[in-house]
Amino acid sequence: MKRRKFIGASAAASVGLLATTTTGAMPTAKRNTKKELKGNIQHSACRWCYSKIPMEEFLKNLNDLGIKAMDLTGPEDWPLMKKYNIHASMCWGAGLGIEKGWNNPELHEELIADYLRVIPLVAEAGYKNLICFSGNRNGMNDLVGLENCVTGIQQILPTAKEHGVVIQMELLNSKVDHKDYMCDHTLWGVELCRRLGSDNFKLLYDIYHMQIMEGDVIRNIREYHPYFGHYHTGGNPGRHEINETQELYYPAIMKAILETGYEGYVAQEFIPTWEDPIAALEEGITIVMSNFYKLLR
């Protein structure tokens, strides 16, 4: 299942009820258990990429791999996550999905009420980040959409500040996966951050999506990192494993992120093609860790 449908359904159903389709039949890798990941990278994994695995089983997998957090989960997931000491590094549960977002003033009343309801829930659970989306253009000029986003989002920021929650708008590609999505370039998102002028609003920089739309990933991270509050990974093309089958070199990207002083989570958001998706996740973490430290020498 594509992430667009997964997010759209999540407002009404538990994340664990949905499934994503994997392709290929790579050999199952032998896994070690109960790892303790070392270093400065805080690892997370996006739930939707592994939604065929029951939630409790997946939480045990994360414990075995030494991964401390999970992205894109809602209030219905948090009690079980706490049982396994897995942090919710990027929350959802508010909003109308990817296509219907803050650029549409007709949706502001509903969006504002929903975010004002969920923001305290995020804080009460001990979490910090809550995702949001611009919505699709639907013929709207980008500048008009930018101004509409400012008008709507600024009405929830006082509550976000009061509760210590950061609203994070995700940068997504409109070329392959999310046709017509408005927040599809770094500079548009950065301008929105500048106009809102709040530490409680940031961008979720998705490396896969921005590679498709504009490339120049490391340069943009170095230049615009003050506006980035979270990162997602994924191999391009295909949003699959981050190994040698794709064009991005993630160890260098991770090094650039850490050089900015970033201390948050980096969430693996690739769709596994291996027969054993947890082995694919372990490989991704291993690639980042082993090659990253070679770059530091």
C-alpha atoms as a PDB file:
ATOM      1  CA  MET A   1       0.000   0.000   0.000  1.00  0.00           C
ATOM      2  CA  LYS A   2       1.261   3.435  -0.881  1.00  0.00           C
ATOM      3  CA  ARG A   3       1.921   5.913   1.889  1.00  0.00           C
ATOM      4  CA  ARG A   4      -0.716   8.326   0.501  1.00  0.00           C
ATOM      5  CA  LYS A   5      -3.497   5.804   1.147  1.00  0.00           C
ATOM      6  CA  PHE A   6      -1.952   4.713   4.430  1.00  0.00           C
ATOM      7  CA  ILE A   7      -1.954   8.254   5.817  1.00  0.00           C
ATOM      8  CA  GLY A   8      -5.418   8.978   4.485  1.00  0.00           C
ATOM      9  CA  ALA A   9      -6.874   5.965   6.247  1.00  0.00           C
ATOM     10  CA  SER A  10      -4.998   6.518   9.500  1.00  0.00           C
ATOM     11  CA  ALA A  11      -7.280   9.280  10.715  1.00  0.00           C
ATOM     12  CA  ALA A  12     -10.081   6.734  11.069  1.00  0.00           C
ATOM     13  CA  ALA A  13      -8.267   3.456  11.665  1.00  0.00           C
ATOM     14  CA  SER A  14      -5.340   2.052  13.565  1.00  0.00           C
ATOM     15  CA  VAL A  15      -2.038   2.095  11.728  1.00  0.00           C
ATOM     16  CA  GLY A  16      -1.640  -1.591  12.450  1.00  0.00           C
ATOM     17  CA  LEU A  17      -4.704  -2.490  10.360  1.00  0.00           C
ATOM     18  CA  LEU A  18      -3.081  -1.460   7.102  1.00  0.00           C
ATOM     19  CA  ALA A  19      -0.573  -3.220   4.839  1.00  0.00           C
ATOM     20  CA  THR A  20       2.131  -2.255   2.421  1.00  0.00           C
ATOM     21  CA  THR A  21       3.137  -4.339  -0.578  1.00  0.00           C
ATOM     22  CA  THR A  22       6.692  -5.584  -0.845  1.00  0.00           C
ATOM     23  CA  THR A  23       8.303  -6.802  -4.030  1.00  0.00           C
ATOM     24  CA  GLY A  24      11.094  -9.175  -4.890  1.00  0.00           C
ATOM     25  CA  ALA A  25      12.361 -12.155  -2.978  1.00  0.00           C
ATOM     26  CA  MET A  26      15.807 -11.384  -1.688  1.00  0.00           C
ATOM     27  CA  PRO A  27      17.441 -14.001   0.531  1.00  0.00           C
ATOM     28  CA  THR A  28      16.700 -13.785   4.212  1.00  0.00           C
ATOM     29  CA  ALA A  29      19.681 -12.339   6.058  1.00  0.00           C
ATOM     30  CA  LYS A  30      20.893 -13.738   9.329  1.00  0.00           C
ATOM     31  CA  ARG A  31      20.210 -11.259  12.098  1.00  0.00           C
ATOM     32  CA  ASN A  32      21.860 -10.665  15.398  1.00  0.00           C
ATOM     33  CA  THR A  33      19.584  -9.894  18.323  1.00  0.00           C
ATOM     34  CA  LYS A  34      19.565  -7.286  21.071  1.00  0.00           C
ATOM     35  CA  LYS A  35      21.935  -4.880  19.382  1.00  0.00           C
ATOM     36  CA  GLU A  36      23.145  -1.706  21.038  1.00  0.00           C
ATOM     37  CA  LEU A  37      23.658   0.900  18.338  1.00  0.00           C
ATOM     38  CA  LYS A  38      26.516   3.255  19.076  1.00  0.00           C
ATOM     39  CA  GLY A  39      27.255   6.729  17.804  1.00  0.00           C
ATOM     40  CA  ASN A  40      25.458  10.042  17.398  1.00  0.00           C
ATOM     41  CA  ILE A  41      22.745   8.954  14.948  1.00  0.00           C
ATOM     42  CA  GLN A  42      19.358   8.432  16.570  1.00  0.00           C
ATOM     43  CA  HIS A  43      17.576   5.793  14.508  1.00  0.00           C
ATOM     44  CA  SER A  44      13.872   5.485  13.867  1.00  0.00           C
ATOM     45  CA  ALA A  45      11.743   3.444  11.449  1.00  0.00           C
ATOM     46  CA  CYS A  46       8.503   4.434   9.743  1.00  0.00           C
ATOM     47  CA  ARG A  47       5.641   2.168  10.706  1.00  0.00           C
ATOM     48  CA  TRP A  48       3.837   2.195   7.345  1.00  0.00           C
ATOM     49  CA  CYS A  49       6.775   0.530   5.571  1.00  0.00           C
ATOM     50  CA  TYR A  50       6.380  -2.524   7.836  1.00  0.00           C
ATOM     51  CA  SER A  51       2.622  -2.522   8.379  1.00  0.00           C
ATOM     52  CA  LYS A  52       2.264  -6.160   7.266  1.00  0.00           C
ATOM     53  CA  ILE A  53       4.063  -7.035  10.510  1.00  0.00           C
ATOM     54  CA  PRO A  54       1.771  -6.913  13.579  1.00  0.00           C
ATOM     55  CA  MET A  55       2.592  -3.942  15.764  1.00  0.00           C
ATOM     56  CA  GLU A  56       3.777  -5.870  18.826  1.00  0.00           C
ATOM     57  CA  GLU A  57       6.002  -8.107  16.727  1.00  0.00           C
ATOM     58  CA  PHE A  58       7.481  -5.070  15.003  1.00  0.00           C
ATOM     59  CA  LEU A  59       8.196  -3.415  18.338  1.00  0.00           C
ATOM     60  CA  LYS A  60      10.102  -6.528  19.412  1.00  0.00           C
ATOM     61  CA  ASN A  61      12.041  -6.358  16.126  1.00  0.00           C
ATOM     62  CA  LEU A  62      13.014  -2.762  16.868  1.00  0.00           C
ATOM     63  CA  ASN A  63      14.198  -3.749  20.336  1.00  0.00           C
ATOM     64  CA  ASP A  64      16.313  -6.517  18.844  1.00  0.00           C
ATOM     65  CA  LEU A  65      17.876  -4.116  16.335  1.00  0.00           C
ATOM     66  CA  GLY A  66      18.561  -1.430  18.920  1.00  0.00           C
ATOM     67  CA  ILE A  67      16.253   1.062  17.192  1.00  0.00           C
ATOM     68  CA  LYS A  68      14.737   3.349  19.812  1.00  0.00           C
ATOM     69  CA  ALA A  69      11.901   5.082  17.958  1.00  0.00           C
ATOM     70  CA  MET A  70       9.136   4.772  15.392  1.00  0.00           C
ATOM     71  CA  ASP A  71       7.730   7.383  13.011  1.00  0.00           C
ATOM     72  CA  LEU A  72       4.164   8.006  11.886  1.00  0.00           C
ATOM     73  CA  THR A  73       2.150   6.566  14.732  1.00  0.00           C
ATOM     74  CA  GLY A  74      -0.937   7.882  16.484  1.00  0.00           C
ATOM     75  CA  PRO A  75      -2.469   7.842  19.965  1.00  0.00           C
ATOM     76  CA  GLU A  76      -3.860   4.339  19.456  1.00  0.00           C
ATOM     77  CA  ASP A  77      -0.296   3.021  19.085  1.00  0.00           C
ATOM     78  CA  TRP A  78       1.435   4.816  21.923  1.00  0.00           C
ATOM     79  CA  PRO A  79       0.470   2.630  24.917  1.00  0.00           C
ATOM     80  CA  LEU A  80       1.950  -0.473  23.269  1.00  0.00           C
ATOM     81  CA  MET A  81       5.017   1.480  22.135  1.00  0.00           C
ATOM     82  CA  LYS A  82       5.607   2.593  25.706  1.00  0.00           C
ATOM     83  CA  LYS A  83       5.458  -1.023  26.833  1.00  0.00           C
ATOM     84  CA  TYR A  84       8.474  -1.731  24.615  1.00  0.00           C
ATOM     85  CA  ASN A  85      10.191   1.588  25.349  1.00  0.00           C
ATOM     86  CA  ILE A  86       9.919   2.769  21.744  1.00  0.00           C
ATOM     87  CA  HIS A  87       9.652   6.548  21.327  1.00  0.00           C
ATOM     88  CA  ALA A  88       7.177   8.167  18.908  1.00  0.00           C
ATOM     89  CA  SER A  89       9.608  10.333  16.940  1.00  0.00           C
ATOM     90  CA  MET A  90       7.042  11.735  14.488  1.00  0.00           C
ATOM     91  CA  CYS A  91       3.379  11.647  15.453  1.00  0.00           C
ATOM     92  CA  TRP A  92       0.278  11.852  13.347  1.00  0.00           C
ATOM     93  CA  GLY A  93      -3.403  11.737  14.145  1.00  0.00           C
ATOM     94  CA  ALA A  94      -4.449  15.257  13.135  1.00  0.00           C
ATOM     95  CA  GLY A  95      -5.364  16.557   9.719  1.00  0.00           C
ATOM     96  CA  LEU A  96      -7.078  15.317   6.569  1.00  0.00           C
ATOM     97  CA  GLY A  97      -4.198  13.546   4.858  1.00  0.00           C
ATOM     98  CA  ILE A  98      -1.618  14.596   2.306  1.00  0.00           C
ATOM     99  CA  GLU A  99      -3.885  16.018  -0.400  1.00  0.00           C
ATOM    100  CA  LYS A 100      -6.094  18.177   1.833  1.00  0.00           C
ATOM    101  CA  GLY A 101      -3.939  20.554   3.827  1.00  0.00           C
ATOM    102  CA  TRP A 102      -3.261  24.022   5.109  1.00  0.00           C
ATOM    103  CA  ASN A 103      -3.141  25.714   1.699  1.00  0.00           C
ATOM    104  CA  ASN A 104      -6.948  25.446   1.463  1.00  0.00           C
ATOM    105  CA  PRO A 105      -8.638  28.076   3.664  1.00  0.00           C
ATOM    106  CA  GLU A 106     -11.942  26.208   3.418  1.00  0.00           C
ATOM    107  CA  LEU A 107     -10.340  23.476   5.539  1.00  0.00           C
ATOM    108  CA  HIS A 108      -8.823  25.749   8.180  1.00  0.00           C
ATOM    109  CA  GLU A 109     -11.655  25.541  10.690  1.00  0.00           C
ATOM    110  CA  GLU A 110     -11.560  21.751  10.690  1.00  0.00           C
ATOM    111  CA  LEU A 111      -7.769  21.553  10.665  1.00  0.00           C
ATOM    112  CA  ILE A 112      -7.366  24.060  13.486  1.00  0.00           C
ATOM    113  CA  ALA A 113      -9.855  22.217  15.695  1.00  0.00           C
ATOM    114  CA  ASP A 114      -8.185  18.882  14.975  1.00  0.00           C
ATOM    115  CA  TYR A 115      -4.644  20.081  15.695  1.00  0.00           C
ATOM    116  CA  LEU A 116      -5.736  21.892  18.856  1.00  0.00           C
ATOM    117  CA  ARG A 117      -7.197  18.562  19.994  1.00  0.00           C
ATOM    118  CA  VAL A 118      -4.138  16.442  19.176  1.00  0.00           C
ATOM    119  CA  ILE A 119      -1.305  18.778  20.226  1.00  0.00           C
ATOM    120  CA  PRO A 120      -2.008  18.290  23.968  1.00  0.00           C
ATOM    121  CA  LEU A 121      -2.234  14.512  23.442  1.00  0.00           C
ATOM    122  CA  VAL A 122       1.243  14.492  21.886  1.00  0.00           C
ATOM    123  CA  ALA A 123       2.666  16.481  24.783  1.00  0.00           C
ATOM    124  CA  GLU A 124       0.908  14.422  27.452  1.00  0.00           C
ATOM    125  CA  ALA A 125       2.385  11.270  25.951  1.00  0.00           C
ATOM    126  CA  GLY A 126       5.875  12.776  26.214  1.00  0.00           C
ATOM    127  CA  TYR A 127       6.415  13.364  22.512  1.00  0.00           C
ATOM    128  CA  LYS A 128       7.392  16.401  20.495  1.00  0.00           C
ATOM    129  CA  ASN A 129       6.837  16.201  16.728  1.00  0.00           C
ATOM    130  CA  LEU A 130       3.485  16.307  14.916  1.00  0.00           C
ATOM    131  CA  ILE A 131       3.303  16.052  11.129  1.00  0.00           C
ATOM    132  CA  CYS A 132       1.288  18.259   8.789  1.00  0.00           C
ATOM    133  CA  PHE A 133       0.882  18.740   5.027  1.00  0.00           C
ATOM    134  CA  SER A 134       0.419  21.614   2.616  1.00  0.00           C
ATOM    135  CA  GLY A 135      -2.200  19.866   0.506  1.00  0.00           C
ATOM    136  CA  ASN A 136      -2.415  19.752  -3.274  1.00  0.00           C
ATOM    137  CA  ARG A 137      -2.447  22.816  -5.508  1.00  0.00           C
ATOM    138  CA  ASN A 138      -5.682  22.091  -7.373  1.00  0.00           C
ATOM    139  CA  GLY A 139      -4.912  25.042  -9.638  1.00  0.00           C
ATOM    140  CA  MET A 140      -3.850  27.347  -6.791  1.00  0.00           C
ATOM    141  CA  ASN A 141      -0.876  29.670  -7.206  1.00  0.00           C
ATOM    142  CA  ASP A 142       2.043  28.713  -4.939  1.00  0.00           C
ATOM    143  CA  LEU A 143       2.240  32.183  -3.396  1.00  0.00           C
ATOM    144  CA  VAL A 144      -1.470  32.157  -2.571  1.00  0.00           C
ATOM    145  CA  GLY A 145      -1.054  28.711  -1.052  1.00  0.00           C
ATOM    146  CA  LEU A 146       1.898  29.933   0.986  1.00  0.00           C
ATOM    147  CA  GLU A 147      -0.120  32.831   2.385  1.00  0.00           C
ATOM    148  CA  ASN A 148      -3.042  30.520   3.153  1.00  0.00           C
ATOM    149  CA  CYS A 149      -0.740  28.162   5.061  1.00  0.00           C
ATOM    150  CA  VAL A 150       0.571  31.061   7.133  1.00  0.00           C
ATOM    151  CA  THR A 151      -2.950  32.234   7.958  1.00  0.00           C
ATOM    152  CA  GLY A 152      -4.032  28.814   9.146  1.00  0.00           C
ATOM    153  CA  ILE A 153      -0.936  27.416  10.837  1.00  0.00           C
ATOM    154  CA  GLN A 154      -0.224  30.557  12.861  1.00  0.00           C
ATOM    155  CA  GLN A 155      -3.485  29.935  14.704  1.00  0.00           C
ATOM    156  CA  ILE A 156      -2.239  26.678  16.210  1.00  0.00           C
ATOM    157  CA  LEU A 157       1.323  27.741  17.002  1.00  0.00           C
ATOM    158  CA  PRO A 158       0.575  29.375  20.378  1.00  0.00           C
ATOM    159  CA  THR A 159      -0.866  26.054  21.572  1.00  0.00           C
ATOM    160  CA  ALA A 160       2.079  24.171  20.105  1.00  0.00           C
ATOM    161  CA  LYS A 161       4.472  26.488  21.934  1.00  0.00           C
ATOM    162  CA  GLU A 162       2.554  26.129  25.187  1.00  0.00           C
ATOM    163  CA  HIS A 163       2.864  22.346  25.003  1.00  0.00           C
ATOM    164  CA  GLY A 164       6.389  22.160  23.580  1.00  0.00           C
ATOM    165  CA  VAL A 165       5.226  20.522  20.342  1.00  0.00           C
ATOM    166  CA  VAL A 166       6.794  21.178  16.929  1.00  0.00           C
ATOM    167  CA  ILE A 167       4.495  21.113  13.899  1.00  0.00           C
ATOM    168  CA  GLN A 168       6.445  19.696  10.965  1.00  0.00           C
ATOM    169  CA  MET A 169       5.371  20.021   7.332  1.00  0.00           C
ATOM    170  CA  GLU A 170       6.763  17.307   5.112  1.00  0.00           C
ATOM    171  CA  LEU A 171       8.512  18.062   1.846  1.00  0.00           C
ATOM    172  CA  LEU A 172       7.189  15.571  -0.731  1.00  0.00           C
ATOM    173  CA  ASN A 173       7.807  15.106  -4.442  1.00  0.00           C
ATOM    174  CA  SER A 174       5.031  15.991  -6.879  1.00  0.00           C
ATOM    175  CA  LYS A 175       6.751  14.288  -9.808  1.00  0.00           C
ATOM    176  CA  VAL A 176       6.368  10.594  -8.947  1.00  0.00           C
ATOM    177  CA  ASP A 177       4.485   9.885  -5.729  1.00  0.00           C
ATOM    178  CA  HIS A 178       2.299  12.839  -4.767  1.00  0.00           C
ATOM    179  CA  LYS A 179       1.140  14.573  -7.930  1.00  0.00           C
ATOM    180  CA  ASP A 180       0.198  18.232  -7.449  1.00  0.00           C
ATOM    181  CA  TYR A 181       1.448  18.455  -3.834  1.00  0.00           C
ATOM    182  CA  MET A 182       2.373  22.065  -3.077  1.00  0.00           C
ATOM    183  CA  CYS A 183       5.228  21.802  -0.547  1.00  0.00           C
ATOM    184  CA  ASP A 184       7.468  20.089  -3.073  1.00  0.00           C
ATOM    185  CA  HIS A 185      10.599  22.278  -2.996  1.00  0.00           C
ATOM    186  CA  THR A 186      12.883  23.222  -0.123  1.00  0.00           C
ATOM    187  CA  LEU A 187      12.722  26.968  -0.803  1.00  0.00           C
ATOM    188  CA  TRP A 188       8.906  27.049  -0.658  1.00  0.00           C
ATOM    189  CA  GLY A 189       9.004  25.319   2.716  1.00  0.00           C
ATOM    190  CA  VAL A 190      11.817  27.529   3.980  1.00  0.00           C
ATOM    191  CA  GLU A 191       9.845  30.653   3.042  1.00  0.00           C
ATOM    192  CA  LEU A 192       6.861  29.303   4.971  1.00  0.00           C
ATOM    193  CA  CYS A 193       9.098  28.804   8.017  1.00  0.00           C
ATOM    194  CA  ARG A 194      10.446  32.325   7.672  1.00  0.00           C
ATOM    195  CA  ARG A 195       6.998  33.866   7.475  1.00  0.00           C
ATOM    196  CA  LEU A 196       5.723  31.928  10.468  1.00  0.00           C
ATOM    197  CA  GLY A 197       8.871  32.811  12.435  1.00  0.00           C
ATOM    198  CA  SER A 198       8.386  30.160  15.118  1.00  0.00           C
ATOM    199  CA  ASP A 199      10.633  27.471  16.573  1.00  0.00           C
ATOM    200  CA  ASN A 200       7.461  25.393  16.851  1.00  0.00           C
ATOM    201  CA  PHE A 201       7.209  25.023  13.077  1.00  0.00           C
ATOM    202  CA  LYS A 202       9.808  23.136  11.030  1.00  0.00           C
ATOM    203  CA  LEU A 203      10.168  21.111   7.856  1.00  0.00           C
ATOM    204  CA  LEU A 204      10.383  17.351   7.676  1.00  0.00           C
ATOM    205  CA  TYR A 205      13.129  16.970   5.075  1.00  0.00           C
ATOM    206  CA  ASP A 206      12.530  13.755   3.165  1.00  0.00           C
ATOM    207  CA  ILE A 207      15.771  12.920   1.372  1.00  0.00           C
ATOM    208  CA  TYR A 208      14.146  10.594  -1.149  1.00  0.00           C
ATOM    209  CA  HIS A 209      11.507  13.120  -2.168  1.00  0.00           C
ATOM    210  CA  MET A 210      13.900  16.032  -2.454  1.00  0.00           C
ATOM    211  CA  GLN A 211      16.368  13.984  -4.491  1.00  0.00           C
ATOM    212  CA  ILE A 212      13.591  13.540  -7.045  1.00  0.00           C
ATOM    213  CA  MET A 213      12.509  17.187  -7.070  1.00  0.00           C
ATOM    214  CA  GLU A 214      15.789  19.090  -6.857  1.00  0.00           C
ATOM    215  CA  GLY A 215      18.785  16.956  -5.870  1.00  0.00           C
ATOM    216  CA  ASP A 216      21.711  18.789  -4.264  1.00  0.00           C
ATOM    217  CA  VAL A 217      20.768  17.128  -0.994  1.00  0.00           C
ATOM    218  CA  ILE A 218      23.938  17.742   1.017  1.00  0.00           C
ATOM    219  CA  ARG A 219      24.238  21.378  -0.040  1.00  0.00           C
ATOM    220  CA  ASN A 220      20.618  22.044   0.927  1.00  0.00           C
ATOM    221  CA  ILE A 221      21.069  20.334   4.283  1.00  0.00           C
ATOM    222  CA  ARG A 222      24.091  22.492   5.026  1.00  0.00           C
ATOM    223  CA  GLU A 223      22.384  25.718   3.938  1.00  0.00           C
ATOM    224  CA  TYR A 224      18.844  25.276   5.241  1.00  0.00           C
ATOM    225  CA  HIS A 225      19.258  22.943   8.218  1.00  0.00           C
ATOM    226  CA  PRO A 226      17.937  25.517  10.741  1.00  0.00           C
ATOM    227  CA  TYR A 227      14.529  24.995   9.150  1.00  0.00           C
ATOM    228  CA  PHE A 228      14.687  21.186   9.188  1.00  0.00           C
ATOM    229  CA  GLY A 229      13.317  19.464  12.266  1.00  0.00           C
ATOM    230  CA  HIS A 230      13.352  15.840  11.130  1.00  0.00           C
ATOM    231  CA  TYR A 231      14.682  13.583   8.360  1.00  0.00           C
ATOM    232  CA  HIS A 232      13.380  10.610   6.362  1.00  0.00           C
ATOM    233  CA  THR A 233      15.447   8.262   4.215  1.00  0.00           C
ATOM    234  CA  GLY A 234      14.655   6.174   1.148  1.00  0.00           C
ATOM    235  CA  GLY A 235      16.525   4.900  -1.878  1.00  0.00           C
ATOM    236  CA  ASN A 236      15.965   6.525  -5.253  1.00  0.00           C
ATOM    237  CA  PRO A 237      14.559   5.323  -7.586  1.00  0.00           C
ATOM    238  CA  GLY A 238      11.728   3.342  -6.072  1.00  0.00           C
ATOM    239  CA  ARG A 239      11.938   4.290  -2.390  1.00  0.00           C
ATOM    240  CA  HIS A 240      13.535   0.951  -1.626  1.00  0.00           C
ATOM    241  CA  GLU A 241      16.669  -0.067   0.310  1.00  0.00           C
ATOM    242  CA  ILE A 242      19.410   2.526   0.775  1.00  0.00           C
ATOM    243  CA  ASN A 243      22.170   0.196  -0.433  1.00  0.00           C
ATOM    244  CA  GLU A 244      24.167   0.103  -3.679  1.00  0.00           C
ATOM    245  CA  THR A 245      21.017  -0.495  -5.746  1.00  0.00           C
ATOM    246  CA  GLN A 246      20.206   3.239  -5.734  1.00  0.00           C
ATOM    247  CA  GLU A 247      21.869   6.586  -6.378  1.00  0.00           C
ATOM    248  CA  LEU A 248      22.086   8.310  -2.977  1.00  0.00           C
ATOM    249  CA  TYR A 249      25.137   7.820  -0.758  1.00  0.00           C
ATOM    250  CA  TYR A 250      23.648   7.845   2.701  1.00  0.00           C
ATOM    251  CA  PRO A 251      26.814   7.728   4.825  1.00  0.00           C
ATOM    252  CA  ALA A 252      27.889  11.105   3.417  1.00  0.00           C
ATOM    253  CA  ILE A 253      24.374  12.471   3.856  1.00  0.00           C
ATOM    254  CA  MET A 254      24.297  11.353   7.507  1.00  0.00           C
ATOM    255  CA  LYS A 255      27.689  12.936   8.066  1.00  0.00           C
ATOM    256  CA  ALA A 256      26.410  16.229   6.640  1.00  0.00           C
ATOM    257  CA  ILE A 257      23.339  16.108   8.888  1.00  0.00           C
ATOM    258  CA  LEU A 258      25.393  15.527  12.026  1.00  0.00           C
ATOM    259  CA  GLU A 259      27.842  18.277  11.091  1.00  0.00           C
ATOM    260  CA  THR A 260      24.945  20.750  11.349  1.00  0.00           C
ATOM    261  CA  GLY A 261      24.579  19.842  15.025  1.00  0.00           C
ATOM    262  CA  TYR A 262      21.345  17.953  14.516  1.00  0.00           C
ATOM    263  CA  GLU A 263      20.490  15.743  17.508  1.00  0.00           C
ATOM    264  CA  GLY A 264      17.065  14.425  16.497  1.00  0.00           C
ATOM    265  CA  TYR A 265      15.968  11.201  14.855  1.00  0.00           C
ATOM    266  CA  VAL A 266      16.600  10.015  11.311  1.00  0.00           C
ATOM    267  CA  ALA A 267      13.782   7.689  10.267  1.00  0.00           C
ATOM    268  CA  GLN A 268      14.252   4.899   7.739  1.00  0.00           C
ATOM    269  CA  GLU A 269      11.331   5.205   5.317  1.00  0.00           C
ATOM    270  CA  PHE A 270      12.220   2.813   2.553  1.00  0.00           C
ATOM    271  CA  ILE A 271       9.873   0.090   1.306  1.00  0.00           C
ATOM    272  CA  PRO A 272      11.677  -3.243   1.715  1.00  0.00           C
ATOM    273  CA  THR A 273      11.938  -5.524  -1.301  1.00  0.00           C
ATOM    274  CA  TRP A 274      13.601  -8.347   0.614  1.00  0.00           C
ATOM    275  CA  GLU A 275      11.676 -11.447   1.605  1.00  0.00           C
ATOM    276  CA  ASP A 276      12.635 -10.575   5.186  1.00  0.00           C
ATOM    277  CA  PRO A 277      11.840  -6.855   5.630  1.00  0.00           C
ATOM    278  CA  ILE A 278      13.481  -6.689   9.061  1.00  0.00           C
ATOM    279  CA  ALA A 279      16.735  -7.956   7.575  1.00  0.00           C
ATOM    280  CA  ALA A 280      16.478  -5.151   5.021  1.00  0.00           C
ATOM    281  CA  LEU A 281      16.004  -2.643   7.839  1.00  0.00           C
ATOM    282  CA  GLU A 282      19.025  -4.039   9.649  1.00  0.00           C
ATOM    283  CA  GLU A 283      21.068  -3.745   6.458  1.00  0.00           C
ATOM    284  CA  GLY A 284      20.070  -0.095   6.109  1.00  0.00           C
ATOM    285  CA  ILE A 285      21.164   0.719   9.640  1.00  0.00           C
ATOM    286  CA  THR A 286      24.420  -1.212   9.151  1.00  0.00           C
ATOM    287  CA  ILE A 287      25.223   0.622   5.909  1.00  0.00           C
ATOM    288  CA  VAL A 288      24.782   3.972   7.572  1.00  0.00           C
ATOM    289  CA  MET A 289      26.729   3.067  10.693  1.00  0.00           C
ATOM    290  CA  SER A 290      29.704   1.190   9.217  1.00  0.00           C
ATOM    291  CA  ASN A 291      30.392   3.495   6.279  1.00  0.00           C
ATOM    292  CA  PHE A 292      29.603   6.648   8.242  1.00  0.00           C
ATOM    293  CA  TYR A 293      32.418   6.020  10.694  1.00  0.00           C
ATOM    294  CA  LYS A 294      34.825   5.380   7.841  1.00  0.00           C
ATOM    295  CA  LEU A 295      34.098   8.925   6.639  1.00  0.00           C
ATOM    296  CA  LEU A 296      34.983  10.318  10.070  1.00  0.00           C
ATOM    297  CA  ARG A 297      38.508   8.891  10.037  1.00  0.00           C
END
